[in-house]
Amino acid sequence: MTKTHILFVDDDPKNGKWFVKNMELLGFEVEFCTDIGEAKSRLESDDSNFDVLICDYLFEGGDQTGLDLLDFSRKAPIVRVLCTAFSGLEDDTIQYPVFAKPVDYTALSQFIESSV
């Protein structure tokens, strides 16, 4: 069986390393990048085969947010998730699932498995 392939985008390399480690332990294949531009390039690549895009909301020094990236990725048939420590985003105005940091990896894994 093919592993679910996740692209995780967060400007904090420590968060990325921890996320990759935990999600790989749960059986997922995970790629990590730290900025929205790189994420867009990976998503547009001819050999892109991501099933899930998970990104942070705020990016240091950037003029775009994770919501901009999730909106950009709408042309791809993938599951999109916002994962953030930024309070106030867990309301009905966000059109994507929101998982708060610190991440509950079991809950996120269950959500992904039921959505892919």
PDB file of N, CA and C in Angstrom:
ATOM      1  N   MET A   1       0.841  -1.185   0.000  1.00  0.00           N
ATOM      2  CA  MET A   1       0.000   0.000   0.000  1.00  0.00           C
ATOM      3  C   MET A   1       0.888   1.250   0.000  1.00  0.00           C
ATOM      4  N   THR A   2       0.518   2.241  -0.779  1.00  0.00           N
ATOM      5  CA  THR A   2       1.272   3.482  -0.885  1.00  0.00           C
ATOM      6  C   THR A   2       1.038   4.359   0.336  1.00  0.00           C
ATOM      7  N   LYS A   3       2.121   4.931   0.835  1.00  0.00           N
ATOM      8  CA  LYS A   3       2.004   5.843   1.969  1.00  0.00           C
ATOM      9  C   LYS A   3       1.400   7.166   1.515  1.00  0.00           C
ATOM     10  N   THR A   4       0.618   7.783   2.392  1.00  0.00           N
ATOM     11  CA  THR A   4       0.091   9.117   2.133  1.00  0.00           C
ATOM     12  C   THR A   4       1.250  10.096   2.162  1.00  0.00           C
ATOM     13  N   HIS A   5       1.328  10.937   1.145  1.00  0.00           N
ATOM     14  CA  HIS A   5       2.453  11.864   0.951  1.00  0.00           C
ATOM     15  C   HIS A   5       2.024  13.273   1.378  1.00  0.00           C
ATOM     16  N   ILE A   6       2.723  13.825   2.374  1.00  0.00           N
ATOM     17  CA  ILE A   6       2.387  15.120   2.960  1.00  0.00           C
ATOM     18  C   ILE A   6       3.470  16.142   2.653  1.00  0.00           C
ATOM     19  N   LEU A   7       3.053  17.358   2.303  1.00  0.00           N
ATOM     20  CA  LEU A   7       3.954  18.508   2.249  1.00  0.00           C
ATOM     21  C   LEU A   7       3.623  19.373   3.456  1.00  0.00           C
ATOM     22  N   PHE A   8       4.608  19.553   4.343  1.00  0.00           N
ATOM     23  CA  PHE A   8       4.435  20.373   5.534  1.00  0.00           C
ATOM     24  C   PHE A   8       5.258  21.638   5.373  1.00  0.00           C
ATOM     25  N   VAL A   9       4.621  22.797   5.588  1.00  0.00           N
ATOM     26  CA  VAL A   9       5.275  24.089   5.386  1.00  0.00           C
ATOM     27  C   VAL A   9       5.186  24.893   6.678  1.00  0.00           C
ATOM     28  N   ASP A  10       6.351  25.235   7.223  1.00  0.00           N
ATOM     29  CA  ASP A  10       6.437  26.003   8.466  1.00  0.00           C
ATOM     30  C   ASP A  10       7.770  26.732   8.446  1.00  0.00           C
ATOM     31  N   ASP A  11       7.786  27.991   8.850  1.00  0.00           N
ATOM     32  CA  ASP A  11       9.035  28.757   8.802  1.00  0.00           C
ATOM     33  C   ASP A  11       9.993  28.415   9.935  1.00  0.00           C
ATOM     34  N   ASP A  12       9.584  27.564  10.863  1.00  0.00           N
ATOM     35  CA  ASP A  12      10.441  27.159  11.971  1.00  0.00           C
ATOM     36  C   ASP A  12      10.997  25.756  11.707  1.00  0.00           C
ATOM     37  N   PRO A  13      12.295  25.645  11.415  1.00  0.00           N
ATOM     38  CA  PRO A  13      12.886  24.336  11.122  1.00  0.00           C
ATOM     39  C   PRO A  13      12.727  23.321  12.259  1.00  0.00           C
ATOM     40  N   LYS A  14      12.713  23.791  13.503  1.00  0.00           N
ATOM     41  CA  LYS A  14      12.530  22.866  14.628  1.00  0.00           C
ATOM     42  C   LYS A  14      11.141  22.231  14.579  1.00  0.00           C
ATOM     43  N   ASN A  15      10.124  23.054  14.299  1.00  0.00           N
ATOM     44  CA  ASN A  15       8.772  22.506  14.159  1.00  0.00           C
ATOM     45  C   ASN A  15       8.716  21.501  13.022  1.00  0.00           C
ATOM     46  N   GLY A  16       9.380  21.832  11.926  1.00  0.00           N
ATOM     47  CA  GLY A  16       9.387  20.943  10.773  1.00  0.00           C
ATOM     48  C   GLY A  16      10.021  19.605  11.076  1.00  0.00           C
ATOM     49  N   LYS A  17      11.168  19.637  11.730  1.00  0.00           N
ATOM     50  CA  LYS A  17      11.865  18.389  12.076  1.00  0.00           C
ATOM     51  C   LYS A  17      11.003  17.523  12.985  1.00  0.00           C
ATOM     52  N   TRP A  18      10.392  18.141  13.985  1.00  0.00           N
ATOM     53  CA  TRP A  18       9.545  17.411  14.928  1.00  0.00           C
ATOM     54  C   TRP A  18       8.313  16.838  14.232  1.00  0.00           C
ATOM     55  N   PHE A  19       7.703  17.646  13.358  1.00  0.00           N
ATOM     56  CA  PHE A  19       6.513  17.207  12.624  1.00  0.00           C
ATOM     57  C   PHE A  19       6.850  16.003  11.747  1.00  0.00           C
ATOM     58  N   VAL A  20       7.931  16.124  10.978  1.00  0.00           N
ATOM     59  CA  VAL A  20       8.335  15.036  10.081  1.00  0.00           C
ATOM     60  C   VAL A  20       8.561  13.752  10.880  1.00  0.00           C
ATOM     61  N   LYS A  21       9.302  13.845  11.954  1.00  0.00           N
ATOM     62  CA  LYS A  21       9.609  12.667  12.771  1.00  0.00           C
ATOM     63  C   LYS A  21       8.327  11.991  13.263  1.00  0.00           C
ATOM     64  N   ASN A  22       7.427  12.776  13.834  1.00  0.00           N
ATOM     65  CA  ASN A  22       6.196  12.205  14.392  1.00  0.00           C
ATOM     66  C   ASN A  22       5.278  11.623  13.332  1.00  0.00           C
ATOM     67  N   MET A  23       5.129  12.319  12.224  1.00  0.00           N
ATOM     68  CA  MET A  23       4.224  11.814  11.183  1.00  0.00           C
ATOM     69  C   MET A  23       4.813  10.596  10.466  1.00  0.00           C
ATOM     70  N   GLU A  24       6.132  10.541  10.318  1.00  0.00           N
ATOM     71  CA  GLU A  24       6.746   9.351   9.732  1.00  0.00           C
ATOM     72  C   GLU A  24       6.580   8.148  10.653  1.00  0.00           C
ATOM     73  N   LEU A  25       6.657   8.366  11.957  1.00  0.00           N
ATOM     74  CA  LEU A  25       6.413   7.277  12.905  1.00  0.00           C
ATOM     75  C   LEU A  25       4.986   6.734  12.787  1.00  0.00           C
ATOM     76  N   LEU A  26       4.071   7.590  12.348  1.00  0.00           N
ATOM     77  CA  LEU A  26       2.675   7.171  12.160  1.00  0.00           C
ATOM     78  C   LEU A  26       2.421   6.592  10.765  1.00  0.00           C
ATOM     79  N   GLY A  27       3.482   6.482   9.954  1.00  0.00           N
ATOM     80  CA  GLY A  27       3.358   5.803   8.664  1.00  0.00           C
ATOM     81  C   GLY A  27       3.190   6.696   7.449  1.00  0.00           C
ATOM     82  N   PHE A  28       3.382   7.995   7.582  1.00  0.00           N
ATOM     83  CA  PHE A  28       3.238   8.912   6.456  1.00  0.00           C
ATOM     84  C   PHE A  28       4.597   9.222   5.835  1.00  0.00           C
ATOM     85  N   GLU A  29       4.583   9.572   4.574  1.00  0.00           N
ATOM     86  CA  GLU A  29       5.769  10.092   3.895  1.00  0.00           C
ATOM     87  C   GLU A  29       5.645  11.613   3.935  1.00  0.00           C
ATOM     88  N   VAL A  30       6.669  12.310   4.453  1.00  0.00           N
ATOM     89  CA  VAL A  30       6.564  13.744   4.683  1.00  0.00           C
ATOM     90  C   VAL A  30       7.749  14.487   4.060  1.00  0.00           C
ATOM     91  N   GLU A  31       7.437  15.550   3.352  1.00  0.00           N
ATOM     92  CA  GLU A  31       8.452  16.497   2.898  1.00  0.00           C
ATOM     93  C   GLU A  31       8.195  17.809   3.630  1.00  0.00           C
ATOM     94  N   PHE A  32       9.277  18.532   3.887  1.00  0.00           N
ATOM     95  CA  PHE A  32       9.184  19.764   4.655  1.00  0.00           C
ATOM     96  C   PHE A  32       9.894  20.897   3.925  1.00  0.00           C
ATOM     97  N   CYS A  33       9.289  22.082   3.947  1.00  0.00           N
ATOM     98  CA  CYS A  33       9.965  23.284   3.473  1.00  0.00           C
ATOM     99  C   CYS A  33       9.565  24.455   4.362  1.00  0.00           C
ATOM    100  N   THR A  34      10.380  25.522   4.303  1.00  0.00           N
ATOM    101  CA  THR A  34      10.212  26.621   5.253  1.00  0.00           C
ATOM    102  C   THR A  34       9.595  27.883   4.665  1.00  0.00           C
ATOM    103  N   ASP A  35       9.299  27.898   3.374  1.00  0.00           N
ATOM    104  CA  ASP A  35       8.682  29.123   2.854  1.00  0.00           C
ATOM    105  C   ASP A  35       7.640  28.830   1.782  1.00  0.00           C
ATOM    106  N   ILE A  36       6.764  29.787   1.625  1.00  0.00           N
ATOM    107  CA  ILE A  36       5.625  29.628   0.721  1.00  0.00           C
ATOM    108  C   ILE A  36       6.072  29.506  -0.733  1.00  0.00           C
ATOM    109  N   GLY A  37       7.083  30.268  -1.128  1.00  0.00           N
ATOM    110  CA  GLY A  37       7.566  30.197  -2.511  1.00  0.00           C
ATOM    111  C   GLY A  37       8.056  28.810  -2.879  1.00  0.00           C
ATOM    112  N   GLU A  38       8.835  28.211  -2.002  1.00  0.00           N
ATOM    113  CA  GLU A  38       9.326  26.855  -2.245  1.00  0.00           C
ATOM    114  C   GLU A  38       8.169  25.866  -2.287  1.00  0.00           C
ATOM    115  N   ALA A  39       7.211  26.036  -1.393  1.00  0.00           N
ATOM    116  CA  ALA A  39       6.045  25.148  -1.371  1.00  0.00           C
ATOM    117  C   ALA A  39       5.275  25.236  -2.688  1.00  0.00           C
ATOM    118  N   LYS A  40       5.086  26.453  -3.189  1.00  0.00           N
ATOM    119  CA  LYS A  40       4.387  26.614  -4.472  1.00  0.00           C
ATOM    120  C   LYS A  40       5.141  25.913  -5.589  1.00  0.00           C
ATOM    121  N   SER A  41       6.460  26.042  -5.593  1.00  0.00           N
ATOM    122  CA  SER A  41       7.271  25.376  -6.618  1.00  0.00           C
ATOM    123  C   SER A  41       7.104  23.863  -6.545  1.00  0.00           C
ATOM    124  N   ARG A  42       7.126  23.334  -5.352  1.00  0.00           N
ATOM    125  CA  ARG A  42       6.961  21.878  -5.194  1.00  0.00           C
ATOM    126  C   ARG A  42       5.573  21.433  -5.648  1.00  0.00           C
ATOM    127  N   LEU A  43       4.553  22.213  -5.313  1.00  0.00           N
ATOM    128  CA  LEU A  43       3.190  21.860  -5.708  1.00  0.00           C
ATOM    129  C   LEU A  43       2.991  21.925  -7.214  1.00  0.00           C
ATOM    130  N   GLU A  44       3.690  22.849  -7.883  1.00  0.00           N
ATOM    131  CA  GLU A  44       3.552  23.009  -9.331  1.00  0.00           C
ATOM    132  C   GLU A  44       4.450  22.077 -10.130  1.00  0.00           C
ATOM    133  N   SER A  45       5.371  21.396  -9.468  1.00  0.00           N
ATOM    134  CA  SER A  45       6.302  20.503 -10.136  1.00  0.00           C
ATOM    135  C   SER A  45       5.553  19.393 -10.866  1.00  0.00           C
ATOM    136  N   ASP A  46       6.072  19.019 -12.020  1.00  0.00           N
ATOM    137  CA  ASP A  46       5.442  17.962 -12.814  1.00  0.00           C
ATOM    138  C   ASP A  46       5.390  16.632 -12.070  1.00  0.00           C
ATOM    139  N   ASP A  47       6.352  16.404 -11.185  1.00  0.00           N
ATOM    140  CA  ASP A  47       6.363  15.138 -10.462  1.00  0.00           C
ATOM    141  C   ASP A  47       5.776  15.252  -9.051  1.00  0.00           C
ATOM    142  N   SER A  48       5.035  16.325  -8.813  1.00  0.00           N
ATOM    143  CA  SER A  48       4.382  16.504  -7.516  1.00  0.00           C
ATOM    144  C   SER A  48       3.318  15.421  -7.328  1.00  0.00           C
ATOM    145  N   ASN A  49       3.380  14.751  -6.191  1.00  0.00           N
ATOM    146  CA  ASN A  49       2.396  13.695  -5.911  1.00  0.00           C
ATOM    147  C   ASN A  49       1.905  13.772  -4.472  1.00  0.00           C
ATOM    148  N   PHE A  50       1.714  14.986  -3.985  1.00  0.00           N
ATOM    149  CA  PHE A  50       1.260  15.172  -2.610  1.00  0.00           C
ATOM    150  C   PHE A  50      -0.221  14.854  -2.481  1.00  0.00           C
ATOM    151  N   ASP A  51      -0.545  14.193  -1.385  1.00  0.00           N
ATOM    152  CA  ASP A  51      -1.937  13.917  -1.053  1.00  0.00           C
ATOM    153  C   ASP A  51      -2.492  14.971  -0.094  1.00  0.00           C
ATOM    154  N   VAL A  52      -1.571  15.556   0.706  1.00  0.00           N
ATOM    155  CA  VAL A  52      -1.972  16.472   1.766  1.00  0.00           C
ATOM    156  C   VAL A  52      -0.996  17.644   1.823  1.00  0.00           C
ATOM    157  N   LEU A  53      -1.538  18.846   2.017  1.00  0.00           N
ATOM    158  CA  LEU A  53      -0.738  20.045   2.268  1.00  0.00           C
ATOM    159  C   LEU A  53      -1.114  20.560   3.646  1.00  0.00           C
ATOM    160  N   ILE A  54      -0.122  20.671   4.523  1.00  0.00           N
ATOM    161  CA  ILE A  54      -0.336  21.200   5.870  1.00  0.00           C
ATOM    162  C   ILE A  54       0.611  22.373   6.034  1.00  0.00           C
ATOM    163  N   CYS A  55       0.075  23.522   6.435  1.00  0.00           N
ATOM    164  CA  CYS A  55       0.963  24.669   6.588  1.00  0.00           C
ATOM    165  C   CYS A  55       0.592  25.512   7.799  1.00  0.00           C
ATOM    166  N   ASP A  56       1.609  26.234   8.256  1.00  0.00           N
ATOM    167  CA  ASP A  56       1.464  27.190   9.336  1.00  0.00           C
ATOM    168  C   ASP A  56       0.708  28.404   8.796  1.00  0.00           C
ATOM    169  N   TYR A  57       0.260  29.261   9.686  1.00  0.00           N
ATOM    170  CA  TYR A  57      -0.447  30.473   9.268  1.00  0.00           C
ATOM    171  C   TYR A  57       0.507  31.636   9.024  1.00  0.00           C
ATOM    172  N   LEU A  58       1.321  31.964  10.024  1.00  0.00           N
ATOM    173  CA  LEU A  58       2.221  33.111   9.910  1.00  0.00           C
ATOM    174  C   LEU A  58       3.616  32.680   9.492  1.00  0.00           C
ATOM    175  N   PHE A  59       4.226  33.470   8.580  1.00  0.00           N
ATOM    176  CA  PHE A  59       5.585  33.221   8.118  1.00  0.00           C
ATOM    177  C   PHE A  59       6.409  34.469   8.363  1.00  0.00           C
ATOM    178  N   GLU A  60       7.515  34.304   9.065  1.00  0.00           N
ATOM    179  CA  GLU A  60       8.407  35.402   9.428  1.00  0.00           C
ATOM    180  C   GLU A  60       8.817  36.212   8.196  1.00  0.00           C
ATOM    181  N   GLY A  61       8.545  37.510   8.229  1.00  0.00           N
ATOM    182  CA  GLY A  61       8.981  38.406   7.177  1.00  0.00           C
ATOM    183  C   GLY A  61       8.283  38.234   5.843  1.00  0.00           C
ATOM    184  N   GLY A  62       7.274  37.417   5.802  1.00  0.00           N
ATOM    185  CA  GLY A  62       6.593  37.173   4.529  1.00  0.00           C
ATOM    186  C   GLY A  62       5.391  38.071   4.331  1.00  0.00           C
ATOM    187  N   ASP A  63       5.013  38.242   3.082  1.00  0.00           N
ATOM    188  CA  ASP A  63       3.834  39.044   2.778  1.00  0.00           C
ATOM    189  C   ASP A  63       2.616  38.164   2.500  1.00  0.00           C
ATOM    190  N   GLN A  64       2.791  36.853   2.660  1.00  0.00           N
ATOM    191  CA  GLN A  64       1.686  35.921   2.478  1.00  0.00           C
ATOM    192  C   GLN A  64       1.536  35.066   3.726  1.00  0.00           C
ATOM    193  N   THR A  65       0.349  34.536   3.899  1.00  0.00           N
ATOM    194  CA  THR A  65       0.078  33.644   5.024  1.00  0.00           C
ATOM    195  C   THR A  65      -0.159  32.225   4.510  1.00  0.00           C
ATOM    196  N   GLY A  66      -0.288  31.326   5.448  1.00  0.00           N
ATOM    197  CA  GLY A  66      -0.620  29.960   5.081  1.00  0.00           C
ATOM    198  C   GLY A  66      -1.942  29.856   4.343  1.00  0.00           C
ATOM    199  N   LEU A  67      -2.883  30.751   4.646  1.00  0.00           N
ATOM    200  CA  LEU A  67      -4.159  30.739   3.922  1.00  0.00           C
ATOM    201  C   LEU A  67      -3.948  31.043   2.445  1.00  0.00           C
ATOM    202  N   ASP A  68      -3.003  31.936   2.133  1.00  0.00           N
ATOM    203  CA  ASP A  68      -2.690  32.220   0.730  1.00  0.00           C
ATOM    204  C   ASP A  68      -2.177  30.966   0.025  1.00  0.00           C
ATOM    205  N   LEU A  69      -1.337  30.204   0.713  1.00  0.00           N
ATOM    206  CA  LEU A  69      -0.814  28.967   0.125  1.00  0.00           C
ATOM    207  C   LEU A  69      -1.924  27.943  -0.051  1.00  0.00           C
ATOM    208  N   LEU A  70      -2.779  27.794   0.943  1.00  0.00           N
ATOM    209  CA  LEU A  70      -3.884  26.841   0.814  1.00  0.00           C
ATOM    210  C   LEU A  70      -4.813  27.237  -0.323  1.00  0.00           C
ATOM    211  N   ASP A  71      -5.085  28.531  -0.481  1.00  0.00           N
ATOM    212  CA  ASP A  71      -5.908  28.998  -1.598  1.00  0.00           C
ATOM    213  C   ASP A  71      -5.217  28.725  -2.934  1.00  0.00           C
ATOM    214  N   PHE A  72      -3.909  28.953  -2.996  1.00  0.00           N
ATOM    215  CA  PHE A  72      -3.124  28.693  -4.212  1.00  0.00           C
ATOM    216  C   PHE A  72      -3.232  27.224  -4.617  1.00  0.00           C
ATOM    217  N   SER A  73      -3.233  26.354  -3.631  1.00  0.00           N
ATOM    218  CA  SER A  73      -3.206  24.914  -3.910  1.00  0.00           C
ATOM    219  C   SER A  73      -4.571  24.351  -4.278  1.00  0.00           C
ATOM    220  N   ARG A  74      -5.581  25.169  -4.343  1.00  0.00           N
ATOM    221  CA  ARG A  74      -6.938  24.666  -4.614  1.00  0.00           C
ATOM    222  C   ARG A  74      -7.065  24.011  -5.976  1.00  0.00           C
ATOM    223  N   LYS A  75      -6.133  24.336  -6.885  1.00  0.00           N
ATOM    224  CA  LYS A  75      -6.207  23.707  -8.200  1.00  0.00           C
ATOM    225  C   LYS A  75      -5.715  22.262  -8.179  1.00  0.00           C
ATOM    226  N   ALA A  76      -5.049  21.867  -7.113  1.00  0.00           N
ATOM    227  CA  ALA A  76      -4.573  20.492  -6.981  1.00  0.00           C
ATOM    228  C   ALA A  76      -5.566  19.690  -6.135  1.00  0.00           C
ATOM    229  N   PRO A  77      -5.788  18.439  -6.503  1.00  0.00           N
ATOM    230  CA  PRO A  77      -6.741  17.610  -5.730  1.00  0.00           C
ATOM    231  C   PRO A  77      -6.087  17.036  -4.473  1.00  0.00           C
ATOM    232  N   ILE A  78      -5.843  17.888  -3.490  1.00  0.00           N
ATOM    233  CA  ILE A  78      -5.204  17.449  -2.253  1.00  0.00           C
ATOM    234  C   ILE A  78      -5.999  17.947  -1.052  1.00  0.00           C
ATOM    235  N   VAL A  79      -5.784  17.293   0.068  1.00  0.00           N
ATOM    236  CA  VAL A  79      -6.372  17.717   1.335  1.00  0.00           C
ATOM    237  C   VAL A  79      -5.530  18.878   1.855  1.00  0.00           C
ATOM    238  N   ARG A  80      -6.173  19.949   2.290  1.00  0.00           N
ATOM    239  CA  ARG A  80      -5.464  21.140   2.782  1.00  0.00           C
ATOM    240  C   ARG A  80      -5.823  21.372   4.250  1.00  0.00           C
ATOM    241  N   VAL A  81      -4.778  21.622   5.073  1.00  0.00           N
ATOM    242  CA  VAL A  81      -4.963  21.786   6.513  1.00  0.00           C
ATOM    243  C   VAL A  81      -4.110  22.949   6.993  1.00  0.00           C
ATOM    244  N   LEU A  82      -4.676  23.766   7.857  1.00  0.00           N
ATOM    245  CA  LEU A  82      -3.939  24.842   8.511  1.00  0.00           C
ATOM    246  C   LEU A  82      -3.553  24.351   9.902  1.00  0.00           C
ATOM    247  N   CYS A  83      -2.288  24.524  10.253  1.00  0.00           N
ATOM    248  CA  CYS A  83      -1.770  24.062  11.535  1.00  0.00           C
ATOM    249  C   CYS A  83      -1.030  25.235  12.173  1.00  0.00           C
ATOM    250  N   THR A  84      -1.585  25.793  13.254  1.00  0.00           N
ATOM    251  CA  THR A  84      -1.047  27.049  13.746  1.00  0.00           C
ATOM    252  C   THR A  84      -1.174  27.221  15.250  1.00  0.00           C
ATOM    253  N   ALA A  85      -0.296  28.034  15.786  1.00  0.00           N
ATOM    254  CA  ALA A  85      -0.384  28.442  17.192  1.00  0.00           C
ATOM    255  C   ALA A  85      -1.058  29.804  17.301  1.00  0.00           C
ATOM    256  N   PHE A  86      -1.380  30.410  16.172  1.00  0.00           N
ATOM    257  CA  PHE A  86      -2.011  31.724  16.120  1.00  0.00           C
ATOM    258  C   PHE A  86      -3.443  31.595  16.610  1.00  0.00           C
ATOM    259  N   SER A  87      -3.776  32.251  17.695  1.00  0.00           N
ATOM    260  CA  SER A  87      -5.117  32.112  18.265  1.00  0.00           C
ATOM    261  C   SER A  87      -6.144  32.893  17.452  1.00  0.00           C
ATOM    262  N   GLY A  88      -7.362  32.438  17.520  1.00  0.00           N
ATOM    263  CA  GLY A  88      -8.456  33.121  16.849  1.00  0.00           C
ATOM    264  C   GLY A  88      -8.785  32.577  15.480  1.00  0.00           C
ATOM    265  N   LEU A  89      -8.079  31.557  15.031  1.00  0.00           N
ATOM    266  CA  LEU A  89      -8.357  31.009  13.700  1.00  0.00           C
ATOM    267  C   LEU A  89      -9.272  29.793  13.737  1.00  0.00           C
ATOM    268  N   GLU A  90      -9.637  29.359  14.904  1.00  0.00           N
ATOM    269  CA  GLU A  90     -10.473  28.174  15.023  1.00  0.00           C
ATOM    270  C   GLU A  90     -11.952  28.539  14.942  1.00  0.00           C
ATOM    271  N   ASP A  91     -12.308  29.420  14.032  1.00  0.00           N
ATOM    272  CA  ASP A  91     -13.714  29.814  13.925  1.00  0.00           C
ATOM    273  C   ASP A  91     -14.273  29.459  12.554  1.00  0.00           C
ATOM    274  N   ASP A  92     -15.514  29.828  12.335  1.00  0.00           N
ATOM    275  CA  ASP A  92     -16.204  29.435  11.110  1.00  0.00           C
ATOM    276  C   ASP A  92     -15.794  30.240   9.882  1.00  0.00           C
ATOM    277  N   THR A  93     -14.944  31.249  10.025  1.00  0.00           N
ATOM    278  CA  THR A  93     -14.552  32.043   8.859  1.00  0.00           C
ATOM    279  C   THR A  93     -13.454  31.364   8.047  1.00  0.00           C
ATOM    280  N   ILE A  94     -12.793  30.383   8.610  1.00  0.00           N
ATOM    281  CA  ILE A  94     -11.723  29.667   7.916  1.00  0.00           C
ATOM    282  C   ILE A  94     -12.347  28.483   7.188  1.00  0.00           C
ATOM    283  N   GLN A  95     -12.055  28.369   5.894  1.00  0.00           N
ATOM    284  CA  GLN A  95     -12.676  27.317   5.100  1.00  0.00           C
ATOM    285  C   GLN A  95     -11.865  26.023   5.062  1.00  0.00           C
ATOM    286  N   TYR A  96     -10.815  25.942   5.875  1.00  0.00           N
ATOM    287  CA  TYR A  96      -9.969  24.758   5.936  1.00  0.00           C
ATOM    288  C   TYR A  96      -9.970  24.220   7.358  1.00  0.00           C
ATOM    289  N   PRO A  97      -9.710  22.925   7.508  1.00  0.00           N
ATOM    290  CA  PRO A  97      -9.558  22.388   8.858  1.00  0.00           C
ATOM    291  C   PRO A  97      -8.373  23.066   9.554  1.00  0.00           C
ATOM    292  N   VAL A  98      -8.526  23.375  10.832  1.00  0.00           N
ATOM    293  CA  VAL A  98      -7.470  24.030  11.601  1.00  0.00           C
ATOM    294  C   VAL A  98      -7.078  23.130  12.761  1.00  0.00           C
ATOM    295  N   PHE A  99      -5.783  22.832  12.840  1.00  0.00           N
ATOM    296  CA  PHE A  99      -5.239  22.084  13.970  1.00  0.00           C
ATOM    297  C   PHE A  99      -4.308  23.013  14.729  1.00  0.00           C
ATOM    298  N   ALA A 100      -4.534  23.105  16.026  1.00  0.00           N
ATOM    299  CA  ALA A 100      -3.745  24.002  16.867  1.00  0.00           C
ATOM    300  C   ALA A 100      -2.408  23.355  17.233  1.00  0.00           C
ATOM    301  N   LYS A 101      -1.390  24.213  17.361  1.00  0.00           N
ATOM    302  CA  LYS A 101      -0.103  23.767  17.881  1.00  0.00           C
ATOM    303  C   LYS A 101      -0.126  23.940  19.390  1.00  0.00           C
ATOM    304  N   PRO A 102       0.466  23.063  20.144  1.00  0.00           N
ATOM    305  CA  PRO A 102       1.179  21.878  19.683  1.00  0.00           C
ATOM    306  C   PRO A 102       0.212  20.863  19.074  1.00  0.00           C
ATOM    307  N   VAL A 103       0.685  20.201  18.061  1.00  0.00           N
ATOM    308  CA  VAL A 103      -0.153  19.313  17.263  1.00  0.00           C
ATOM    309  C   VAL A 103      -0.470  18.029  18.018  1.00  0.00           C
ATOM    310  N   ASP A 104      -1.719  17.640  17.948  1.00  0.00           N
ATOM    311  CA  ASP A 104      -2.140  16.320  18.417  1.00  0.00           C
ATOM    312  C   ASP A 104      -1.967  15.398  17.204  1.00  0.00           C
ATOM    313  N   TYR A 105      -0.843  14.711  17.140  1.00  0.00           N
ATOM    314  CA  TYR A 105      -0.505  13.919  15.957  1.00  0.00           C
ATOM    315  C   TYR A 105      -1.477  12.772  15.718  1.00  0.00           C
ATOM    316  N   THR A 106      -2.011  12.212  16.767  1.00  0.00           N
ATOM    317  CA  THR A 106      -2.988  11.128  16.595  1.00  0.00           C
ATOM    318  C   THR A 106      -4.255  11.665  15.941  1.00  0.00           C
ATOM    319  N   ALA A 107      -4.758  12.796  16.424  1.00  0.00           N
ATOM    320  CA  ALA A 107      -5.971  13.389  15.839  1.00  0.00           C
ATOM    321  C   ALA A 107      -5.726  13.814  14.396  1.00  0.00           C
ATOM    322  N   LEU A 108      -4.572  14.406  14.127  1.00  0.00           N
ATOM    323  CA  LEU A 108      -4.246  14.821  12.760  1.00  0.00           C
ATOM    324  C   LEU A 108      -4.151  13.606  11.848  1.00  0.00           C
ATOM    325  N   SER A 109      -3.514  12.556  12.320  1.00  0.00           N
ATOM    326  CA  SER A 109      -3.384  11.325  11.537  1.00  0.00           C
ATOM    327  C   SER A 109      -4.757  10.744  11.210  1.00  0.00           C
ATOM    328  N   GLN A 110      -5.633  10.703  12.182  1.00  0.00           N
ATOM    329  CA  GLN A 110      -6.982  10.183  11.964  1.00  0.00           C
ATOM    330  C   GLN A 110      -7.748  11.040  10.957  1.00  0.00           C
ATOM    331  N   PHE A 111      -7.585  12.353  11.065  1.00  0.00           N
ATOM    332  CA  PHE A 111      -8.248  13.248  10.109  1.00  0.00           C
ATOM    333  C   PHE A 111      -7.741  12.976   8.697  1.00  0.00           C
ATOM    334  N   ILE A 112      -6.433  12.885   8.544  1.00  0.00           N
ATOM    335  CA  ILE A 112      -5.849  12.646   7.212  1.00  0.00           C
ATOM    336  C   ILE A 112      -6.327  11.324   6.644  1.00  0.00           C
ATOM    337  N   GLU A 113      -6.270  10.279   7.460  1.00  0.00           N
ATOM    338  CA  GLU A 113      -6.683   8.960   6.973  1.00  0.00           C
ATOM    339  C   GLU A 113      -8.144   8.941   6.542  1.00  0.00           C
ATOM    340  N   SER A 114      -8.984   9.711   7.203  1.00  0.00           N
ATOM    341  CA  SER A 114     -10.404   9.739   6.837  1.00  0.00           C
ATOM    342  C   SER A 114     -10.676  10.679   5.648  1.00  0.00           C
ATOM    343  N   SER A 115      -9.690  11.503   5.289  1.00  0.00           N
ATOM    344  CA  SER A 115      -9.904  12.495   4.234  1.00  0.00           C
ATOM    345  C   SER A 115      -9.244  12.131   2.897  1.00  0.00           C
ATOM    346  N   VAL A 116      -8.283  11.234   2.942  1.00  0.00           N
ATOM    347  CA  VAL A 116      -7.551  10.890   1.708  1.00  0.00           C
ATOM    348  C   VAL A 116      -8.236   9.766   0.993  1.00  0.00           C
TER     349      VAL A 116
END
